[in-house]
Amino acid sequence: MERLAGLLLALVVVLGGTLPSEAQDAARPPLVIVAELDGIIHPVAAEYLTSVIDTAAADGAAAVVIVLRTPGGLLESTRTIVSRFITSSVPIVVFVAPSGARAASAGFFLAVAADVAAMAPGTHIGAAHPVAGNGQQMDDTVSEKAASDAAAYVRSLATARGRNVALADAAVLESRAFTDTEAAQASPPLVDLIAKDLDDLLRQLDGRTIRRFDGRQHILHTAGAEQRRVGMTRRQQVLSAIAHPQVAYLLLSLGLLGLTIELWNPGAVLPGVVGGVSLLMAFFAFQILPVSVAGLLLIVLGASLLVAELLAPSFGILGIGGAVALFFGSVMVTDTVPGIRVRYELIVPVVVALAGITLFLGRLALRAQRQAPATGVEGLMGSVGQALTAIGTDVPGQIGIHGEIWRAVSHRPVAPGDRVRVLQVNGLTLVVEAVEPHAEEGGRSWTSRPSSS
């Protein structure tokens, strides 16, 4: 019996060491993937959220929680994200947080499209009326068509998720926004729940039955869940930072300044390289951001006028005109989507700095043009030198001038050491006359020596 008991014990130990992975997985806490989107919804943001959902599906997560704070963004990128929400095998929770945050414009579509929409106290969503992303003014017909299309899109999402269709429609057609209380207490509600923070959200989600987009029922298990935060990759962080309106505008300004300095001083190389790279990065950002074409053209015109001020100084007229065009272009360039714009606190210093530097360089160029020539034949005319040898009326001598020794002749005798002024340049021979110093207001100047009778 003892031998049999020992064999059974050994068998239990062996079987216990080789339990199926399903049993081991059952002992693990559920996994919740947490992503955070704080900024504009653009292609980089769409790539980030799509990759997060793919990671959650591969790791068998119980849910994906997207902590959302956004002023809006591009509708095409929003549609990409929503499409991935719909096809995701993992439930998607959009949490507008922390307090004071908003999910406006395109962010409203993401909240409506999620399996669970949650808001922190003191947040708001809505104001989702579409605007032209290319900066062109839409006429009434085009605006009505765009609004009607966006409204139909959000109504279809709200219907599939069992949310308030009328309020979703009003957010698009009437640009209405809703606080957390208004959204949660509507009948039917526009959002599912209000949570103080992420932990409170997971407690409320545990055991909750949700309806997926295809109509299937699903019970969430989030009690004691492991929270794994997934951030952007380095590449996505860099591209997302470049796509920020303030950064894009600074890159554009730096590029214009670098090229301006390179044109003023050809061969400097470094300003041209930095300016070219900055401009290329700015153009990448403006491909992502909703940019006003008129504003961008005004910026280009302003930069062109500033460069023209350097090449052809106009007493500041071109420079001032360039500064005005640059200012208004900067104000207009990213003002097509509410919340996505370059701030005046950045525009004014940049415009003043660019205009000031350009006008300063233009003033230096104008001063250089007005200065008397310092080299060549023109530079020798009227210059004062010193006789190194005697110079007779018919006997040439030598003079030192501008650090050089020249052959010289004079209509009057000149003694060695006398000061002489150049009257004429005949090939390699200078025609000079003797001058003598005299005091004038504490300084020294030279006058022609009177001839003897």
Protein backbone atom coordinates (compact mmCIF):
# COMPACT_ATOMS: atom_id res chain seq x y z
CA MET A 1 0.00 0.00 0.00
CA GLU A 2 2.78 2.39 0.86
CA ARG A 3 4.41 1.65 -2.48
CA LEU A 4 1.16 2.31 -4.32
CA ALA A 5 0.65 5.55 -2.44
CA GLY A 6 4.14 6.66 -3.41
CA LEU A 7 3.46 5.95 -7.07
CA LEU A 8 0.20 7.93 -6.93
CA LEU A 9 1.98 10.85 -5.26
CA ALA A 10 4.67 10.84 -7.93
CA LEU A 11 2.01 10.75 -10.63
CA VAL A 12 0.22 13.74 -9.10
CA VAL A 13 3.48 15.68 -8.96
CA VAL A 14 4.25 14.91 -12.59
CA LEU A 15 0.76 15.84 -13.76
CA GLY A 16 0.81 18.99 -11.65
CA GLY A 17 4.01 20.07 -13.38
CA THR A 18 2.45 19.63 -16.78
CA LEU A 19 -0.94 21.26 -16.30
CA PRO A 20 -2.46 22.58 -19.53
CA SER A 21 -1.69 26.21 -20.39
CA GLU A 22 -5.41 26.97 -20.24
CA ALA A 23 -5.45 26.14 -16.53
CA GLN A 24 -2.37 28.29 -15.96
CA ASP A 25 -3.91 31.17 -17.89
CA ALA A 26 -7.06 30.89 -15.78
CA ALA A 27 -4.97 31.66 -12.71
CA ARG A 28 -3.52 34.81 -14.21
CA PRO A 29 -5.21 38.22 -13.72
CA PRO A 30 -6.87 39.70 -16.81
CA LEU A 31 -4.77 42.03 -18.96
CA VAL A 32 -5.92 45.54 -19.84
CA ILE A 33 -3.93 47.48 -22.44
CA VAL A 34 -3.89 51.23 -21.75
CA ALA A 35 -3.08 53.72 -24.52
CA GLU A 36 -3.03 57.49 -24.21
CA LEU A 37 -3.73 59.92 -27.03
CA ASP A 38 -3.16 63.54 -26.10
CA GLY A 39 -3.21 65.69 -29.20
CA ILE A 40 -4.42 65.92 -32.73
CA ILE A 41 -5.91 62.94 -34.55
CA HIS A 42 -3.80 62.48 -37.68
CA PRO A 43 -2.24 59.55 -39.60
CA VAL A 44 0.46 59.02 -36.96
CA ALA A 45 -2.18 58.83 -34.21
CA ALA A 46 -4.19 56.39 -36.33
CA GLU A 47 -1.12 54.21 -36.81
CA TYR A 48 -0.44 54.27 -33.07
CA LEU A 49 -3.96 53.25 -31.98
CA THR A 50 -4.17 50.59 -34.67
CA SER A 51 -0.92 49.04 -33.50
CA VAL A 52 -2.13 49.12 -29.87
CA ILE A 53 -5.28 47.20 -30.78
CA ASP A 54 -3.22 44.66 -32.74
CA THR A 55 -0.95 44.19 -29.71
CA ALA A 56 -3.95 43.69 -27.41
CA ALA A 57 -5.44 41.07 -29.73
CA ALA A 58 -2.12 39.20 -29.96
CA ASP A 59 -1.71 39.18 -26.14
CA GLY A 60 -5.29 38.13 -25.42
CA ALA A 61 -6.15 41.29 -23.48
CA ALA A 62 -9.53 41.62 -21.78
CA ALA A 63 -9.94 45.21 -23.02
CA VAL A 64 -8.18 48.21 -24.52
CA VAL A 65 -8.63 51.50 -22.66
CA ILE A 66 -7.82 54.62 -24.70
CA VAL A 67 -7.36 57.68 -22.49
CA LEU A 68 -8.36 60.45 -24.87
CA ARG A 69 -7.70 64.19 -24.88
CA THR A 70 -7.99 65.86 -28.27
CA PRO A 71 -9.16 69.09 -29.90
CA GLY A 72 -10.04 67.13 -33.05
CA GLY A 73 -8.25 66.23 -36.22
CA LEU A 74 -8.63 64.72 -39.65
CA LEU A 75 -11.80 62.84 -40.54
CA GLU A 76 -9.97 60.31 -42.72
CA SER A 77 -7.67 59.34 -39.86
CA THR A 78 -10.73 59.12 -37.58
CA ARG A 79 -12.42 56.74 -40.00
CA THR A 80 -9.31 54.56 -40.02
CA ILE A 81 -9.37 54.31 -36.22
CA VAL A 82 -13.12 53.67 -36.09
CA SER A 83 -12.82 50.89 -38.66
CA ARG A 84 -10.25 49.20 -36.44
CA PHE A 85 -12.55 49.65 -33.42
CA ILE A 86 -15.32 47.83 -35.27
CA THR A 87 -13.19 44.86 -36.38
CA SER A 88 -11.32 44.50 -33.09
CA SER A 89 -11.74 41.19 -31.26
CA VAL A 90 -10.86 43.01 -28.02
CA PRO A 91 -13.45 45.40 -26.51
CA ILE A 92 -12.50 49.07 -26.90
CA VAL A 93 -13.07 51.57 -24.08
CA VAL A 94 -12.61 55.29 -24.77
CA PHE A 95 -12.07 57.26 -21.56
CA VAL A 96 -12.10 61.07 -21.83
CA ALA A 97 -9.82 62.02 -18.94
CA PRO A 98 -8.54 63.51 -16.72
CA SER A 99 -10.91 66.19 -15.41
CA GLY A 100 -10.84 69.25 -17.62
CA ALA A 101 -10.07 67.27 -20.79
CA ARG A 102 -12.20 67.18 -23.91
CA ALA A 103 -12.86 64.98 -26.89
CA ALA A 104 -14.00 67.50 -29.47
CA SER A 105 -14.65 67.20 -33.18
CA ALA A 106 -12.99 63.98 -34.40
CA GLY A 107 -12.58 62.77 -30.81
CA PHE A 108 -16.36 62.71 -30.47
CA PHE A 109 -16.59 60.11 -33.25
CA LEU A 110 -14.09 57.89 -31.41
CA ALA A 111 -16.12 58.07 -28.19
CA VAL A 112 -19.35 57.18 -29.98
CA ALA A 113 -17.70 54.32 -31.88
CA ALA A 114 -16.17 52.63 -28.81
CA ASP A 115 -17.70 49.57 -27.12
CA VAL A 116 -17.71 51.59 -23.90
CA ALA A 117 -17.58 55.38 -23.70
CA ALA A 118 -16.57 56.86 -20.36
CA MET A 119 -15.84 60.37 -19.11
CA ALA A 120 -14.11 61.80 -16.09
CA PRO A 121 -15.92 64.49 -14.08
CA GLY A 122 -15.49 67.95 -15.56
CA THR A 123 -14.87 66.79 -19.14
CA HIS A 124 -16.89 67.44 -22.29
CA ILE A 125 -17.38 66.03 -25.77
CA GLY A 126 -19.03 67.16 -29.01
CA ALA A 127 -18.73 70.16 -31.36
CA ALA A 128 -18.13 67.81 -34.29
CA HIS A 129 -19.26 69.93 -37.25
CA PRO A 130 -16.90 69.20 -40.17
CA VAL A 131 -14.75 71.89 -41.76
CA ALA A 132 -12.58 71.86 -44.85
CA GLY A 133 -9.18 70.37 -44.09
CA ASN A 134 -7.45 72.15 -46.99
CA GLY A 135 -8.26 75.61 -45.72
CA GLN A 136 -10.56 76.50 -48.62
CA GLN A 137 -13.82 78.22 -47.78
CA MET A 138 -16.71 75.82 -48.37
CA ASP A 139 -19.84 77.17 -50.01
CA ASP A 140 -23.22 76.39 -48.50
CA THR A 141 -23.86 73.39 -50.73
CA VAL A 142 -20.50 71.73 -50.08
CA SER A 143 -20.71 72.50 -46.33
CA GLU A 144 -24.20 71.02 -46.15
CA LYS A 145 -23.09 67.87 -47.96
CA ALA A 146 -20.06 67.42 -45.68
CA ALA A 147 -22.15 67.94 -42.54
CA SER A 148 -24.86 65.57 -43.79
CA ASP A 149 -22.29 62.87 -44.55
CA ALA A 150 -20.62 63.22 -41.14
CA ALA A 151 -24.00 63.22 -39.38
CA ALA A 152 -25.07 60.03 -41.14
CA TYR A 153 -21.76 58.44 -40.17
CA VAL A 154 -22.12 59.29 -36.47
CA ARG A 155 -25.79 58.22 -36.45
CA SER A 156 -24.84 54.80 -37.78
CA LEU A 157 -22.20 54.44 -35.04
CA ALA A 158 -24.59 55.61 -32.30
CA THR A 159 -27.31 53.21 -33.49
CA ALA A 160 -24.96 50.23 -33.50
CA ARG A 161 -23.72 51.09 -30.01
CA GLY A 162 -27.16 51.87 -28.57
CA ARG A 163 -26.35 55.51 -27.84
CA ASN A 164 -28.41 58.67 -28.16
CA VAL A 165 -28.75 59.17 -31.90
CA ALA A 166 -30.43 62.59 -31.63
CA LEU A 167 -27.64 64.09 -29.52
CA ALA A 168 -24.96 62.54 -31.71
CA ASP A 169 -26.64 64.09 -34.74
CA ALA A 170 -26.90 67.49 -33.00
CA ALA A 171 -23.20 67.42 -32.15
CA VAL A 172 -22.42 67.33 -35.87
CA LEU A 173 -25.16 69.43 -37.45
CA GLU A 174 -25.49 72.02 -34.66
CA SER A 175 -21.93 71.85 -33.23
CA ARG A 176 -23.34 71.07 -29.78
CA ALA A 177 -21.06 69.98 -26.96
CA PHE A 178 -22.04 68.03 -23.85
CA THR A 179 -20.65 67.84 -20.32
CA ASP A 180 -20.08 64.48 -18.64
CA THR A 181 -23.36 64.80 -16.70
CA GLU A 182 -25.38 65.77 -19.77
CA ALA A 183 -23.92 62.93 -21.81
CA ALA A 184 -24.43 60.27 -19.11
CA GLN A 185 -27.94 61.33 -17.99
CA ALA A 186 -29.42 61.64 -21.48
CA SER A 187 -32.06 59.07 -22.45
CA PRO A 188 -30.68 56.94 -23.95
CA PRO A 189 -27.23 58.03 -22.70
CA LEU A 190 -24.55 59.33 -25.00
CA VAL A 191 -21.80 57.79 -22.84
CA ASP A 192 -21.97 54.73 -20.63
CA LEU A 193 -20.43 55.84 -17.35
CA ILE A 194 -18.50 58.45 -15.39
CA ALA A 195 -15.28 57.41 -13.63
CA LYS A 196 -12.86 59.41 -11.48
CA ASP A 197 -9.75 57.67 -12.76
CA LEU A 198 -8.54 54.52 -14.48
CA ASP A 199 -8.86 52.31 -11.40
CA ASP A 200 -12.42 53.49 -10.82
CA LEU A 201 -13.17 52.83 -14.48
CA LEU A 202 -11.93 49.22 -14.31
CA ARG A 203 -13.97 48.59 -11.14
CA GLN A 204 -17.12 49.78 -12.87
CA LEU A 205 -16.38 47.79 -16.03
CA ASP A 206 -15.95 44.47 -14.23
CA GLY A 207 -18.92 42.20 -14.88
CA ARG A 208 -20.52 44.68 -17.27
CA THR A 209 -22.29 43.20 -20.30
CA ILE A 210 -21.64 45.09 -23.52
CA ARG A 211 -22.94 44.69 -27.03
CA ARG A 212 -20.31 44.46 -29.73
CA PHE A 213 -20.78 46.17 -33.07
CA ASP A 214 -22.02 42.94 -34.66
CA GLY A 215 -24.67 42.49 -31.95
CA ARG A 216 -22.89 39.84 -29.84
CA GLN A 217 -23.06 40.11 -26.07
CA HIS A 218 -19.79 40.17 -24.13
CA ILE A 219 -19.08 40.28 -20.39
CA LEU A 220 -16.05 42.31 -19.29
CA HIS A 221 -13.72 40.91 -16.61
CA THR A 222 -11.44 43.64 -15.30
CA ALA A 223 -11.28 42.98 -11.56
CA GLY A 224 -7.66 43.04 -10.41
CA ALA A 225 -6.54 43.45 -14.01
CA GLU A 226 -2.92 43.98 -14.91
CA GLN A 227 -2.61 47.42 -16.51
CA ARG A 228 -0.03 47.51 -19.28
CA ARG A 229 0.57 50.91 -20.80
CA VAL A 230 1.62 50.95 -24.43
CA GLY A 231 3.09 54.21 -25.66
CA MET A 232 4.13 55.42 -29.06
CA THR A 233 7.31 54.11 -30.61
CA ARG A 234 10.26 56.50 -30.97
CA ARG A 235 9.42 56.94 -34.63
CA GLN A 236 5.78 57.72 -33.86
CA GLN A 237 6.79 60.12 -31.08
CA VAL A 238 9.08 62.06 -33.41
CA LEU A 239 6.55 62.21 -36.24
CA SER A 240 3.75 63.14 -33.87
CA ALA A 241 5.86 65.92 -32.33
CA ILE A 242 6.70 67.29 -35.77
CA ALA A 243 3.01 67.24 -36.70
CA HIS A 244 2.14 69.56 -33.80
CA PRO A 245 1.11 73.00 -35.16
CA GLN A 246 3.53 74.92 -32.94
CA VAL A 247 6.49 72.68 -33.83
CA ALA A 248 5.62 72.70 -37.53
CA TYR A 249 5.46 76.50 -37.53
CA LEU A 250 8.80 76.78 -35.72
CA LEU A 251 10.39 74.43 -38.26
CA LEU A 252 8.99 76.52 -41.10
CA SER A 253 10.32 79.71 -39.52
CA LEU A 254 13.72 78.17 -38.86
CA GLY A 255 13.88 76.95 -42.45
CA LEU A 256 13.05 80.39 -43.85
CA LEU A 257 15.60 82.05 -41.57
CA GLY A 258 18.34 79.56 -42.52
CA LEU A 259 17.78 80.03 -46.25
CA THR A 260 17.63 83.82 -45.82
CA ILE A 261 21.02 83.87 -44.09
CA GLU A 262 22.46 81.54 -46.74
CA LEU A 263 21.27 83.84 -49.53
CA TRP A 264 22.73 86.87 -47.75
CA ASN A 265 26.04 85.12 -47.18
CA PRO A 266 26.48 82.42 -49.87
CA GLY A 267 28.87 79.68 -48.89
CA ALA A 268 28.07 79.66 -45.18
CA VAL A 269 26.68 76.13 -45.76
CA LEU A 270 25.41 75.46 -42.23
CA PRO A 271 22.44 77.88 -42.35
CA GLY A 272 21.46 76.49 -45.75
CA VAL A 273 21.63 72.87 -44.58
CA VAL A 274 19.68 73.56 -41.37
CA GLY A 275 17.14 75.64 -43.27
CA GLY A 276 16.62 73.01 -45.97
CA VAL A 277 16.14 70.16 -43.48
CA SER A 278 13.77 72.26 -41.37
CA LEU A 279 11.67 73.18 -44.39
CA LEU A 280 11.37 69.54 -45.48
CA MET A 281 10.25 68.54 -41.98
CA ALA A 282 7.75 71.42 -41.92
CA PHE A 283 6.32 70.36 -45.28
CA PHE A 284 5.88 66.81 -43.91
CA ALA A 285 3.94 68.23 -40.95
CA PHE A 286 1.77 70.38 -43.19
CA GLN A 287 0.87 67.27 -45.22
CA ILE A 288 -0.57 65.79 -42.02
CA LEU A 289 -2.11 68.91 -40.49
CA PRO A 290 -5.17 70.67 -41.91
CA VAL A 291 -3.46 73.65 -43.52
CA SER A 292 -4.88 76.76 -45.14
CA VAL A 293 -3.47 77.09 -48.66
CA ALA A 294 -4.01 80.87 -48.59
CA GLY A 295 -2.12 81.13 -45.30
CA LEU A 296 0.77 79.05 -46.61
CA LEU A 297 0.99 81.17 -49.78
CA LEU A 298 1.05 84.34 -47.68
CA ILE A 299 3.94 82.92 -45.64
CA VAL A 300 5.85 82.11 -48.84
CA LEU A 301 5.14 85.62 -50.17
CA GLY A 302 6.30 87.17 -46.90
CA ALA A 303 9.52 85.17 -46.95
CA SER A 304 10.12 86.13 -50.60
CA LEU A 305 9.71 89.82 -49.80
CA LEU A 306 12.12 89.56 -46.88
CA VAL A 307 14.71 87.88 -49.13
CA ALA A 308 14.13 90.58 -51.77
CA GLU A 309 14.90 93.18 -49.11
CA LEU A 310 18.33 91.60 -48.71
CA LEU A 311 19.06 91.36 -52.43
CA ALA A 312 17.68 94.78 -53.37
CA PRO A 313 17.42 97.04 -50.29
CA SER A 314 14.30 99.21 -50.54
CA PHE A 315 14.68 101.31 -47.38
CA GLY A 316 12.50 98.76 -45.50
CA ILE A 317 9.46 98.78 -47.81
CA LEU A 318 9.87 95.17 -48.96
CA GLY A 319 10.82 94.06 -45.45
CA ILE A 320 7.77 95.63 -43.82
CA GLY A 321 5.50 94.19 -46.51
CA GLY A 322 7.06 90.78 -45.99
CA ALA A 323 6.54 90.97 -42.22
CA VAL A 324 2.86 91.87 -42.67
CA ALA A 325 2.30 89.00 -45.13
CA LEU A 326 4.17 86.61 -42.84
CA PHE A 327 2.04 87.59 -39.86
CA PHE A 328 -1.34 87.17 -41.54
CA GLY A 329 -0.22 83.97 -43.23
CA SER A 330 0.87 82.57 -39.86
CA VAL A 331 -2.50 83.41 -38.34
CA MET A 332 -4.38 81.72 -41.19
CA VAL A 333 -2.18 78.70 -41.86
CA THR A 334 -3.63 76.27 -39.28
CA ASP A 335 -6.86 78.01 -38.30
CA THR A 336 -9.18 75.79 -40.35
CA VAL A 337 -9.95 73.29 -37.57
CA PRO A 338 -11.04 74.55 -34.13
CA GLY A 339 -8.36 73.89 -31.52
CA ILE A 340 -5.64 73.25 -34.12
CA ARG A 341 -3.85 76.53 -34.62
CA VAL A 342 -0.61 78.38 -34.05
CA ARG A 343 -0.87 80.68 -31.04
CA TYR A 344 -0.28 84.41 -31.20
CA GLU A 345 2.26 84.02 -28.38
CA LEU A 346 4.45 82.15 -30.87
CA ILE A 347 3.54 84.00 -34.08
CA VAL A 348 4.40 87.51 -32.88
CA PRO A 349 7.95 86.78 -31.59
CA VAL A 350 8.78 84.69 -34.69
CA VAL A 351 7.56 87.34 -37.13
CA VAL A 352 9.32 90.14 -35.23
CA ALA A 353 12.56 88.12 -35.08
CA LEU A 354 12.49 87.21 -38.80
CA ALA A 355 11.62 90.75 -39.87
CA GLY A 356 14.17 92.29 -37.50
CA ILE A 357 17.01 90.04 -38.64
CA THR A 358 16.17 90.57 -42.31
CA LEU A 359 15.88 94.35 -41.99
CA PHE A 360 19.15 94.44 -40.04
CA LEU A 361 20.95 92.46 -42.75
CA GLY A 362 19.32 94.64 -45.41
CA ARG A 363 20.55 97.76 -43.64
CA LEU A 364 24.08 96.35 -43.60
CA ALA A 365 23.83 95.62 -47.33
CA LEU A 366 22.58 99.14 -48.04
CA ARG A 367 25.37 100.66 -45.97
CA ALA A 368 27.91 98.56 -47.83
CA GLN A 369 26.54 99.81 -51.16
CA ARG A 370 26.90 103.42 -50.06
CA GLN A 371 30.50 103.06 -48.86
CA ALA A 372 33.29 104.23 -51.11
CA PRO A 373 35.16 101.45 -52.92
CA ALA A 374 38.14 100.20 -50.93
CA THR A 375 39.83 98.11 -53.65
CA GLY A 376 40.69 98.38 -57.33
CA VAL A 377 41.13 101.59 -59.30
CA GLU A 378 38.14 103.22 -57.59
CA GLY A 379 39.65 102.44 -54.22
CA LEU A 380 42.90 104.20 -55.11
CA MET A 381 41.34 107.44 -56.35
CA GLY A 382 41.69 110.14 -53.67
CA SER A 383 43.64 107.89 -51.30
CA VAL A 384 46.55 109.35 -49.38
CA GLY A 385 49.94 107.64 -49.27
CA GLN A 386 53.57 108.46 -48.55
CA ALA A 387 56.42 109.12 -50.95
CA LEU A 388 59.19 106.57 -50.53
CA THR A 389 61.57 108.30 -52.95
CA ALA A 390 61.88 111.73 -54.50
CA ILE A 391 59.42 112.33 -57.30
CA GLY A 392 60.27 114.93 -59.87
CA THR A 393 58.24 116.49 -62.64
CA ASP A 394 59.91 114.22 -65.16
CA VAL A 395 61.42 111.65 -62.81
CA PRO A 396 59.06 108.90 -61.56
CA GLY A 397 59.37 107.71 -57.98
CA GLN A 398 57.72 105.30 -55.61
CA ILE A 399 54.98 105.73 -53.03
CA GLY A 400 53.52 103.44 -50.38
CA ILE A 401 49.72 103.22 -50.34
CA HIS A 402 47.27 100.55 -49.06
CA GLY A 403 50.23 98.47 -47.98
CA GLU A 404 51.57 98.37 -51.54
CA ILE A 405 54.40 100.12 -53.42
CA TRP A 406 53.36 101.92 -56.60
CA ARG A 407 55.24 103.82 -59.32
CA ALA A 408 54.17 107.47 -59.24
CA VAL A 409 54.67 110.75 -61.09
CA SER A 410 53.78 114.28 -60.05
CA HIS A 411 53.44 117.64 -61.75
CA ARG A 412 55.37 119.20 -58.83
CA PRO A 413 58.45 117.92 -56.98
CA VAL A 414 57.78 115.67 -54.02
CA ALA A 415 60.38 114.94 -51.34
CA PRO A 416 60.79 111.53 -49.70
CA GLY A 417 58.43 111.16 -46.72
CA ASP A 418 55.87 113.68 -48.04
CA ARG A 419 52.22 112.77 -47.99
CA VAL A 420 50.68 112.48 -51.45
CA ARG A 421 47.15 112.05 -52.80
CA VAL A 422 46.32 109.96 -55.87
CA LEU A 423 44.79 112.05 -58.66
CA GLN A 424 44.77 109.59 -61.52
CA VAL A 425 45.61 105.96 -62.35
CA ASN A 426 47.39 105.35 -65.64
CA GLY A 427 47.87 101.62 -65.87
CA LEU A 428 50.50 100.79 -63.24
CA THR A 429 51.54 104.41 -62.71
CA LEU A 430 49.81 106.78 -60.34
CA VAL A 431 49.58 110.53 -60.83
CA VAL A 432 49.89 112.16 -57.41
CA GLU A 433 50.16 115.54 -55.74
CA ALA A 434 51.74 116.54 -52.48
CA VAL A 435 49.48 117.31 -49.51
CA GLU A 436 50.23 118.66 -46.08
CA PRO A 437 48.47 118.00 -42.75
CA HIS A 438 46.48 120.58 -40.86
CA ALA A 439 44.53 120.44 -37.61
CA GLU A 440 40.77 120.42 -37.86
CA GLU A 441 38.49 120.05 -34.79
CA GLY A 442 41.08 118.06 -32.89
CA GLY A 443 41.57 115.56 -35.67
CA ARG A 444 43.99 115.37 -38.60
CA SER A 445 43.15 115.78 -42.24
CA TRP A 446 45.18 116.59 -45.35
CA THR A 447 45.04 119.45 -47.83
CA SER A 448 46.91 120.02 -51.05
CA ARG A 449 50.19 121.84 -50.65
CA PRO A 450 50.09 125.20 -52.35
CA SER A 451 52.45 125.53 -55.27
CA SER A 452 55.37 127.98 -55.14
CA SER A 453 55.30 131.00 -57.35
